Amino acid sequence: MESKSNVQCEIRLYKPADKDGVISLFRFGMMEHIYPAFFQAMTNPDHMGVTLSISMAGYVLGGSSYFMALLAGGAWAGLVYYCCFEIYDAHLRERLRTVMADIPGHFLDRPDSCFWVAEAQVRGRPKVVGMVAVLGRREEKERGDGTNGGFDEGDGSYAEVIGTVVSFPRRRQGLGLQLAQTALAFCQERGFDRVVLETSSAQTAALGLYRKLGFEHTFTHANTHAHRWVTRLARLSMMRMEMAL
């Protein structure tokens, strides 16, 4: 597939030499969502009420001590922050253990999957400043006419877009849009019926980009790689989005 480029960046296929830069960018892309998720959680009306109640309890039990009120409220906020951290850290660990552990094997060696990076010259040296990947899913659906062994190959197939990350200095330049369009063009070439992806409720910029491209929110769930109570305390929702091709 031909690479696309803007004035400063080139979008090309992943090469083994990109691994360190890709892993570093992917780690940054996951962990940067902790603070937005924490802010979202702490501004939730229920959590605001809990924070106030715990702070008041600390004030009373501490003998009208403002220090104890702050300490109690801070301890609660620390717990919520830990939950937000654990969700993204657990997701990062799982991705590094699975698909990101062997990028060529999971993406480049499979005709229905692919992995791209955006490369830019930074201080005279090439650097990975963006990435996006597609995992192709081919499903076989049972037929009623008894032909083809009772299955209709390709029926219900879809592609999953994952790992869309742009480094902070390269944002608001249209690079995220170009990466997403590169992935979608590949999905169309491979003949997929639809494209799916998942993002979290804290990733507002990503949600806006996906809606701009034509993705629709199909359902929300709270299943993460962290413990269920961690996800509940973080007040974080995972949002599945789909687009028909």
C-alpha atoms as a PDB file:
ATOM      1  CA  MET A   1       0.000   0.000   0.000  1.00  0.00           C
ATOM      2  CA  GLU A   2       1.397   3.424  -0.870  1.00  0.00           C
ATOM      3  CA  SER A   3       2.509   5.608   2.006  1.00  0.00           C
ATOM      4  CA  LYS A   4       0.912   8.935   2.643  1.00  0.00           C
ATOM      5  CA  SER A   5       2.717  12.005   3.842  1.00  0.00           C
ATOM      6  CA  ASN A   6       2.121  15.555   4.881  1.00  0.00           C
ATOM      7  CA  VAL A   7       4.714  18.327   4.957  1.00  0.00           C
ATOM      8  CA  GLN A   8       6.514  16.964   8.016  1.00  0.00           C
ATOM      9  CA  CYS A   9       5.581  13.305   8.435  1.00  0.00           C
ATOM     10  CA  GLU A  10       5.548  10.131   6.364  1.00  0.00           C
ATOM     11  CA  ILE A  11       3.149   7.284   7.075  1.00  0.00           C
ATOM     12  CA  ARG A  12       4.736   3.959   6.201  1.00  0.00           C
ATOM     13  CA  LEU A  13       4.678   0.287   7.134  1.00  0.00           C
ATOM     14  CA  TYR A  14       6.246  -0.793  10.397  1.00  0.00           C
ATOM     15  CA  LYS A  15       9.849  -2.058  10.296  1.00  0.00           C
ATOM     16  CA  PRO A  16      11.598  -4.118  13.008  1.00  0.00           C
ATOM     17  CA  ALA A  17      13.928  -1.180  13.672  1.00  0.00           C
ATOM     18  CA  ASP A  18      10.870   0.828  14.815  1.00  0.00           C
ATOM     19  CA  LYS A  19      10.139  -1.451  17.779  1.00  0.00           C
ATOM     20  CA  ASP A  20      11.693   0.638  20.573  1.00  0.00           C
ATOM     21  CA  GLY A  21      10.117   3.837  19.301  1.00  0.00           C
ATOM     22  CA  VAL A  22       6.727   2.187  18.844  1.00  0.00           C
ATOM     23  CA  ILE A  23       6.731   0.632  22.327  1.00  0.00           C
ATOM     24  CA  SER A  24       7.739   3.948  23.893  1.00  0.00           C
ATOM     25  CA  LEU A  25       5.020   5.831  21.990  1.00  0.00           C
ATOM     26  CA  PHE A  26       2.410   3.185  22.804  1.00  0.00           C
ATOM     27  CA  ARG A  27       3.297   3.344  26.507  1.00  0.00           C
ATOM     28  CA  PHE A  28       2.961   7.131  26.457  1.00  0.00           C
ATOM     29  CA  GLY A  29      -0.327   6.886  24.568  1.00  0.00           C
ATOM     30  CA  MET A  30      -1.842   4.613  27.207  1.00  0.00           C
ATOM     31  CA  MET A  31      -0.577   6.241  30.381  1.00  0.00           C
ATOM     32  CA  GLU A  32      -1.418   9.808  29.359  1.00  0.00           C
ATOM     33  CA  HIS A  33      -5.109   8.991  29.849  1.00  0.00           C
ATOM     34  CA  ILE A  34      -4.713   8.493  33.602  1.00  0.00           C
ATOM     35  CA  TYR A  35      -5.113  12.167  34.533  1.00  0.00           C
ATOM     36  CA  PRO A  36      -8.171  12.801  32.322  1.00  0.00           C
ATOM     37  CA  ALA A  37      -9.763   9.644  33.743  1.00  0.00           C
ATOM     38  CA  PHE A  38      -8.941  10.767  37.290  1.00  0.00           C
ATOM     39  CA  PHE A  39     -10.455  14.211  36.681  1.00  0.00           C
ATOM     40  CA  GLN A  40     -13.557  12.615  35.169  1.00  0.00           C
ATOM     41  CA  ALA A  41     -13.916  10.324  38.175  1.00  0.00           C
ATOM     42  CA  MET A  42     -13.427  12.999  40.826  1.00  0.00           C
ATOM     43  CA  THR A  43     -15.912  15.358  39.172  1.00  0.00           C
ATOM     44  CA  ASN A  44     -18.567  12.659  39.075  1.00  0.00           C
ATOM     45  CA  PRO A  45     -21.420  13.814  41.383  1.00  0.00           C
ATOM     46  CA  ASP A  46     -21.328  10.574  43.379  1.00  0.00           C
ATOM     47  CA  HIS A  47     -17.584  10.801  43.937  1.00  0.00           C
ATOM     48  CA  MET A  48     -17.848  14.479  44.878  1.00  0.00           C
ATOM     49  CA  GLY A  49     -20.344  13.507  47.564  1.00  0.00           C
ATOM     50  CA  VAL A  50     -18.085  10.723  48.835  1.00  0.00           C
ATOM     51  CA  THR A  51     -15.099  13.071  48.928  1.00  0.00           C
ATOM     52  CA  LEU A  52     -17.030  15.616  50.949  1.00  0.00           C
ATOM     53  CA  SER A  53     -18.358  12.958  53.348  1.00  0.00           C
ATOM     54  CA  ILE A  54     -14.928  11.443  53.943  1.00  0.00           C
ATOM     55  CA  SER A  55     -13.376  14.853  54.487  1.00  0.00           C
ATOM     56  CA  MET A  56     -16.079  15.761  57.002  1.00  0.00           C
ATOM     57  CA  ALA A  57     -15.575  12.448  58.797  1.00  0.00           C
ATOM     58  CA  GLY A  58     -11.851  13.163  59.030  1.00  0.00           C
ATOM     59  CA  TYR A  59     -12.574  16.636  60.378  1.00  0.00           C
ATOM     60  CA  VAL A  60     -14.921  15.332  63.091  1.00  0.00           C
ATOM     61  CA  LEU A  61     -12.889  12.266  64.080  1.00  0.00           C
ATOM     62  CA  GLY A  62      -9.720  14.330  64.111  1.00  0.00           C
ATOM     63  CA  GLY A  63     -11.120  16.716  66.681  1.00  0.00           C
ATOM     64  CA  SER A  64     -12.135  19.521  64.317  1.00  0.00           C
ATOM     65  CA  SER A  65      -8.813  19.240  62.504  1.00  0.00           C
ATOM     66  CA  TYR A  66      -8.614  20.667  59.019  1.00  0.00           C
ATOM     67  CA  PHE A  67      -5.445  18.662  58.491  1.00  0.00           C
ATOM     68  CA  MET A  68      -7.291  15.411  59.134  1.00  0.00           C
ATOM     69  CA  ALA A  69     -10.060  16.531  56.784  1.00  0.00           C
ATOM     70  CA  LEU A  70      -7.519  17.113  54.024  1.00  0.00           C
ATOM     71  CA  LEU A  71      -5.730  13.872  54.847  1.00  0.00           C
ATOM     72  CA  ALA A  72      -8.925  11.813  54.668  1.00  0.00           C
ATOM     73  CA  GLY A  73     -10.029  13.460  51.430  1.00  0.00           C
ATOM     74  CA  GLY A  74      -6.544  13.046  49.981  1.00  0.00           C
ATOM     75  CA  ALA A  75      -6.495   9.343  50.856  1.00  0.00           C
ATOM     76  CA  TRP A  76      -9.784   8.851  49.003  1.00  0.00           C
ATOM     77  CA  ALA A  77      -8.495  10.793  46.000  1.00  0.00           C
ATOM     78  CA  GLY A  78      -5.345   8.675  46.054  1.00  0.00           C
ATOM     79  CA  LEU A  79      -7.410   5.503  45.910  1.00  0.00           C
ATOM     80  CA  VAL A  80      -9.378   6.792  42.920  1.00  0.00           C
ATOM     81  CA  TYR A  81      -6.140   7.782  41.180  1.00  0.00           C
ATOM     82  CA  TYR A  82      -4.729   4.304  41.785  1.00  0.00           C
ATOM     83  CA  CYS A  83      -7.815   2.784  40.159  1.00  0.00           C
ATOM     84  CA  CYS A  84      -7.433   4.990  37.079  1.00  0.00           C
ATOM     85  CA  PHE A  85      -3.735   4.121  36.889  1.00  0.00           C
ATOM     86  CA  GLU A  86      -4.375   0.400  37.258  1.00  0.00           C
ATOM     87  CA  ILE A  87      -6.903   0.295  34.409  1.00  0.00           C
ATOM     88  CA  TYR A  88      -4.551   1.761  31.827  1.00  0.00           C
ATOM     89  CA  ASP A  89      -1.478   0.036  33.211  1.00  0.00           C
ATOM     90  CA  ALA A  90      -3.233  -3.352  33.086  1.00  0.00           C
ATOM     91  CA  HIS A  91      -4.302  -2.694  29.491  1.00  0.00           C
ATOM     92  CA  LEU A  92      -0.738  -1.704  28.599  1.00  0.00           C
ATOM     93  CA  ARG A  93       0.703  -4.846  30.179  1.00  0.00           C
ATOM     94  CA  GLU A  94      -1.781  -7.053  28.327  1.00  0.00           C
ATOM     95  CA  ARG A  95      -1.048  -5.470  24.949  1.00  0.00           C
ATOM     96  CA  LEU A  96       2.721  -5.691  25.496  1.00  0.00           C
ATOM     97  CA  ARG A  97       2.332  -9.348  26.444  1.00  0.00           C
ATOM     98  CA  THR A  98       0.252 -10.227  23.384  1.00  0.00           C
ATOM     99  CA  VAL A  99       0.014  -8.368  20.063  1.00  0.00           C
ATOM    100  CA  MET A 100       2.759  -5.816  20.750  1.00  0.00           C
ATOM    101  CA  ALA A 101       5.224  -8.544  21.718  1.00  0.00           C
ATOM    102  CA  ASP A 102       5.444  -9.704  18.090  1.00  0.00           C
ATOM    103  CA  ILE A 103       4.276  -6.948  15.773  1.00  0.00           C
ATOM    104  CA  PRO A 104       5.443  -8.603  12.507  1.00  0.00           C
ATOM    105  CA  GLY A 105       3.837 -11.909  13.472  1.00  0.00           C
ATOM    106  CA  HIS A 106       0.501 -10.413  14.516  1.00  0.00           C
ATOM    107  CA  PHE A 107       0.193  -7.726  11.853  1.00  0.00           C
ATOM    108  CA  LEU A 108       2.589  -7.863   8.903  1.00  0.00           C
ATOM    109  CA  ASP A 109       2.571 -11.630   8.343  1.00  0.00           C
ATOM    110  CA  ARG A 110      -1.209 -11.730   8.114  1.00  0.00           C
ATOM    111  CA  PRO A 111      -2.837 -10.404   4.921  1.00  0.00           C
ATOM    112  CA  ASP A 112      -5.865  -8.981   6.727  1.00  0.00           C
ATOM    113  CA  SER A 113      -3.833  -7.104   9.346  1.00  0.00           C
ATOM    114  CA  CYS A 114      -1.330  -4.281   9.114  1.00  0.00           C
ATOM    115  CA  PHE A 115       0.716  -1.828  11.192  1.00  0.00           C
ATOM    116  CA  TRP A 116       1.807   1.677  10.205  1.00  0.00           C
ATOM    117  CA  VAL A 117       4.013   4.298  11.789  1.00  0.00           C
ATOM    118  CA  ALA A 118       4.314   8.017  11.149  1.00  0.00           C
ATOM    119  CA  GLU A 119       7.931   9.103  10.898  1.00  0.00           C
ATOM    120  CA  ALA A 120       9.262  12.645  11.177  1.00  0.00           C
ATOM    121  CA  GLN A 121      12.659  14.268  11.272  1.00  0.00           C
ATOM    122  CA  VAL A 122      13.366  15.442  14.821  1.00  0.00           C
ATOM    123  CA  ARG A 123      16.650  17.295  15.262  1.00  0.00           C
ATOM    124  CA  GLY A 124      17.911  15.805  12.049  1.00  0.00           C
ATOM    125  CA  ARG A 125      17.066  12.201  12.962  1.00  0.00           C
ATOM    126  CA  PRO A 126      14.046  10.061  12.006  1.00  0.00           C
ATOM    127  CA  LYS A 127      11.642   9.413  14.870  1.00  0.00           C
ATOM    128  CA  VAL A 128       8.358   7.543  15.211  1.00  0.00           C
ATOM    129  CA  VAL A 129       5.723  10.150  16.096  1.00  0.00           C
ATOM    130  CA  GLY A 130       2.525   8.231  15.354  1.00  0.00           C
ATOM    131  CA  MET A 131       1.131   4.745  14.918  1.00  0.00           C
ATOM    132  CA  VAL A 132      -2.005   2.823  14.031  1.00  0.00           C
ATOM    133  CA  ALA A 133      -2.781  -0.859  13.472  1.00  0.00           C
ATOM    134  CA  VAL A 134      -5.538  -3.058  12.075  1.00  0.00           C
ATOM    135  CA  LEU A 135      -6.381  -6.582  13.187  1.00  0.00           C
ATOM    136  CA  GLY A 136      -8.497  -8.441  10.652  1.00  0.00           C
ATOM    137  CA  ARG A 137     -11.180 -10.816  11.909  1.00  0.00           C
ATOM    138  CA  ARG A 138     -12.579 -13.343   9.455  1.00  0.00           C
ATOM    139  CA  GLU A 139     -15.594 -15.241  10.729  1.00  0.00           C
ATOM    140  CA  GLU A 140     -17.432 -18.167   9.193  1.00  0.00           C
ATOM    141  CA  LYS A 141     -21.186 -18.136   9.457  1.00  0.00           C
ATOM    142  CA  GLU A 142     -23.325 -21.256   9.160  1.00  0.00           C
ATOM    143  CA  ARG A 143     -25.516 -21.561   6.095  1.00  0.00           C
ATOM    144  CA  GLY A 144     -28.713 -23.514   5.629  1.00  0.00           C
ATOM    145  CA  ASP A 145     -28.224 -24.850   2.093  1.00  0.00           C
ATOM    146  CA  GLY A 146     -25.548 -27.396   3.019  1.00  0.00           C
ATOM    147  CA  THR A 147     -23.051 -26.082   0.456  1.00  0.00           C
ATOM    148  CA  ASN A 148     -19.424 -25.246   1.261  1.00  0.00           C
ATOM    149  CA  GLY A 149     -19.482 -27.572   4.244  1.00  0.00           C
ATOM    150  CA  GLY A 150     -22.340 -25.639   5.795  1.00  0.00           C
ATOM    151  CA  PHE A 151     -20.366 -22.381   6.186  1.00  0.00           C
ATOM    152  CA  ASP A 152     -20.222 -19.108   4.309  1.00  0.00           C
ATOM    153  CA  GLU A 153     -16.644 -17.859   4.598  1.00  0.00           C
ATOM    154  CA  GLY A 154     -16.236 -14.115   5.118  1.00  0.00           C
ATOM    155  CA  ASP A 155     -19.781 -13.504   6.282  1.00  0.00           C
ATOM    156  CA  GLY A 156     -19.623 -11.329   9.390  1.00  0.00           C
ATOM    157  CA  SER A 157     -15.973 -10.327   8.923  1.00  0.00           C
ATOM    158  CA  TYR A 158     -14.711  -7.126  10.481  1.00  0.00           C
ATOM    159  CA  ALA A 159     -11.508  -5.227  11.162  1.00  0.00           C
ATOM    160  CA  GLU A 160     -10.452  -3.828  14.520  1.00  0.00           C
ATOM    161  CA  VAL A 161      -8.456  -0.603  14.666  1.00  0.00           C
ATOM    162  CA  ILE A 162      -6.102  -0.486  17.648  1.00  0.00           C
ATOM    163  CA  GLY A 163      -3.140   1.469  18.961  1.00  0.00           C
ATOM    164  CA  THR A 164      -3.836   4.848  17.386  1.00  0.00           C
ATOM    165  CA  VAL A 165      -1.335   7.199  19.030  1.00  0.00           C
ATOM    166  CA  VAL A 166       0.223  10.524  18.025  1.00  0.00           C
ATOM    167  CA  SER A 167       3.068  12.085  20.006  1.00  0.00           C
ATOM    168  CA  PHE A 168       2.120  15.264  21.833  1.00  0.00           C
ATOM    169  CA  PRO A 169       4.201  17.743  19.737  1.00  0.00           C
ATOM    170  CA  ARG A 170       2.605  16.435  16.513  1.00  0.00           C
ATOM    171  CA  ARG A 171      -1.012  16.813  17.547  1.00  0.00           C
ATOM    172  CA  ARG A 172      -3.511  19.246  16.038  1.00  0.00           C
ATOM    173  CA  GLN A 173      -1.752  18.895  12.683  1.00  0.00           C
ATOM    174  CA  GLY A 174      -4.103  16.359  11.115  1.00  0.00           C
ATOM    175  CA  LEU A 175      -1.759  13.419  11.652  1.00  0.00           C
ATOM    176  CA  GLY A 176      -4.262  11.433  13.718  1.00  0.00           C
ATOM    177  CA  LEU A 177      -6.827  11.837  10.941  1.00  0.00           C
ATOM    178  CA  GLN A 178      -4.330  10.702   8.301  1.00  0.00           C
ATOM    179  CA  LEU A 179      -3.401   7.619  10.321  1.00  0.00           C
ATOM    180  CA  ALA A 180      -7.051   6.689  10.775  1.00  0.00           C
ATOM    181  CA  GLN A 181      -7.781   7.214   7.081  1.00  0.00           C
ATOM    182  CA  THR A 182      -4.808   5.012   6.167  1.00  0.00           C
ATOM    183  CA  ALA A 183      -6.222   2.225   8.331  1.00  0.00           C
ATOM    184  CA  LEU A 184      -9.731   2.632   6.911  1.00  0.00           C
ATOM    185  CA  ALA A 185      -8.450   2.577   3.321  1.00  0.00           C
ATOM    186  CA  PHE A 186      -6.687  -0.711   4.068  1.00  0.00           C
ATOM    187  CA  CYS A 187      -9.890  -2.157   5.534  1.00  0.00           C
ATOM    188  CA  GLN A 188     -11.797  -1.229   2.390  1.00  0.00           C
ATOM    189  CA  GLU A 189      -9.118  -2.790   0.173  1.00  0.00           C
ATOM    190  CA  ARG A 190      -9.351  -6.030   2.132  1.00  0.00           C
ATOM    191  CA  GLY A 191     -13.124  -6.109   1.691  1.00  0.00           C
ATOM    192  CA  PHE A 192     -14.223  -5.920   5.310  1.00  0.00           C
ATOM    193  CA  ASP A 193     -17.901  -5.325   6.055  1.00  0.00           C
ATOM    194  CA  ARG A 194     -17.260  -3.070   9.030  1.00  0.00           C
ATOM    195  CA  VAL A 195     -14.612  -1.553  11.253  1.00  0.00           C
ATOM    196  CA  VAL A 196     -14.767  -1.616  15.037  1.00  0.00           C
ATOM    197  CA  LEU A 197     -12.707  -0.099  17.823  1.00  0.00           C
ATOM    198  CA  GLU A 198     -12.859   0.486  21.543  1.00  0.00           C
ATOM    199  CA  THR A 199     -11.911   3.560  23.499  1.00  0.00           C
ATOM    200  CA  SER A 200     -12.552   4.854  26.990  1.00  0.00           C
ATOM    201  CA  SER A 201     -14.908   7.602  28.084  1.00  0.00           C
ATOM    202  CA  ALA A 202     -11.900   9.677  29.206  1.00  0.00           C
ATOM    203  CA  GLN A 203     -10.479   9.860  25.677  1.00  0.00           C
ATOM    204  CA  THR A 204     -12.636  12.741  24.486  1.00  0.00           C
ATOM    205  CA  ALA A 205     -10.322  13.804  21.649  1.00  0.00           C
ATOM    206  CA  ALA A 206     -10.304  10.283  20.207  1.00  0.00           C
ATOM    207  CA  LEU A 207     -14.084  10.068  20.477  1.00  0.00           C
ATOM    208  CA  GLY A 208     -14.413  13.302  18.547  1.00  0.00           C
ATOM    209  CA  LEU A 209     -12.073  12.087  15.809  1.00  0.00           C
ATOM    210  CA  TYR A 210     -13.866   8.772  15.397  1.00  0.00           C
ATOM    211  CA  ARG A 211     -17.270  10.450  15.188  1.00  0.00           C
ATOM    212  CA  LYS A 212     -15.884  12.809  12.568  1.00  0.00           C
ATOM    213  CA  LEU A 213     -14.820   9.800  10.508  1.00  0.00           C
ATOM    214  CA  GLY A 214     -18.301   8.292  10.710  1.00  0.00           C
ATOM    215  CA  PHE A 215     -18.028   5.850  13.613  1.00  0.00           C
ATOM    216  CA  GLU A 216     -21.118   5.367  15.741  1.00  0.00           C
ATOM    217  CA  HIS A 217     -21.244   4.427  19.393  1.00  0.00           C
ATOM    218  CA  THR A 218     -22.846   0.971  19.596  1.00  0.00           C
ATOM    219  CA  PHE A 219     -22.603   0.046  23.262  1.00  0.00           C
ATOM    220  CA  THR A 220     -20.851   0.768  26.551  1.00  0.00           C
ATOM    221  CA  HIS A 221     -19.386  -1.715  29.017  1.00  0.00           C
ATOM    222  CA  ALA A 222     -17.113  -1.774  32.052  1.00  0.00           C
ATOM    223  CA  ASN A 223     -14.936  -4.770  31.186  1.00  0.00           C
ATOM    224  CA  THR A 224     -11.237  -3.951  31.522  1.00  0.00           C
ATOM    225  CA  HIS A 225      -8.100  -5.910  32.352  1.00  0.00           C
ATOM    226  CA  ALA A 226      -8.276  -4.567  35.913  1.00  0.00           C
ATOM    227  CA  HIS A 227     -10.430  -5.941  38.738  1.00  0.00           C
ATOM    228  CA  ARG A 228     -14.117  -5.083  38.549  1.00  0.00           C
ATOM    229  CA  TRP A 229     -14.051  -2.984  41.741  1.00  0.00           C
ATOM    230  CA  VAL A 230     -11.176  -0.945  40.303  1.00  0.00           C
ATOM    231  CA  THR A 231     -13.186  -0.094  37.198  1.00  0.00           C
ATOM    232  CA  ARG A 232     -16.242   0.782  39.279  1.00  0.00           C
ATOM    233  CA  LEU A 233     -14.328   3.151  41.546  1.00  0.00           C
ATOM    234  CA  ALA A 234     -12.689   4.809  38.545  1.00  0.00           C
ATOM    235  CA  ARG A 235     -16.131   5.456  37.009  1.00  0.00           C
ATOM    236  CA  LEU A 236     -14.622   4.613  33.647  1.00  0.00           C
ATOM    237  CA  SER A 237     -16.634   3.263  30.729  1.00  0.00           C
ATOM    238  CA  MET A 238     -15.331   1.443  27.687  1.00  0.00           C
ATOM    239  CA  MET A 239     -17.069   2.499  24.504  1.00  0.00           C
ATOM    240  CA  ARG A 240     -17.355   0.322  21.415  1.00  0.00           C
ATOM    241  CA  MET A 241     -17.699   2.148  18.114  1.00  0.00           C
ATOM    242  CA  GLU A 242     -18.430   0.758  14.656  1.00  0.00           C
ATOM    243  CA  MET A 243     -18.559   1.946  11.095  1.00  0.00           C
ATOM    244  CA  ALA A 244     -19.985   0.111   8.103  1.00  0.00           C
ATOM    245  CA  LEU A 245     -17.874   0.001   4.960  1.00  0.00           C
END
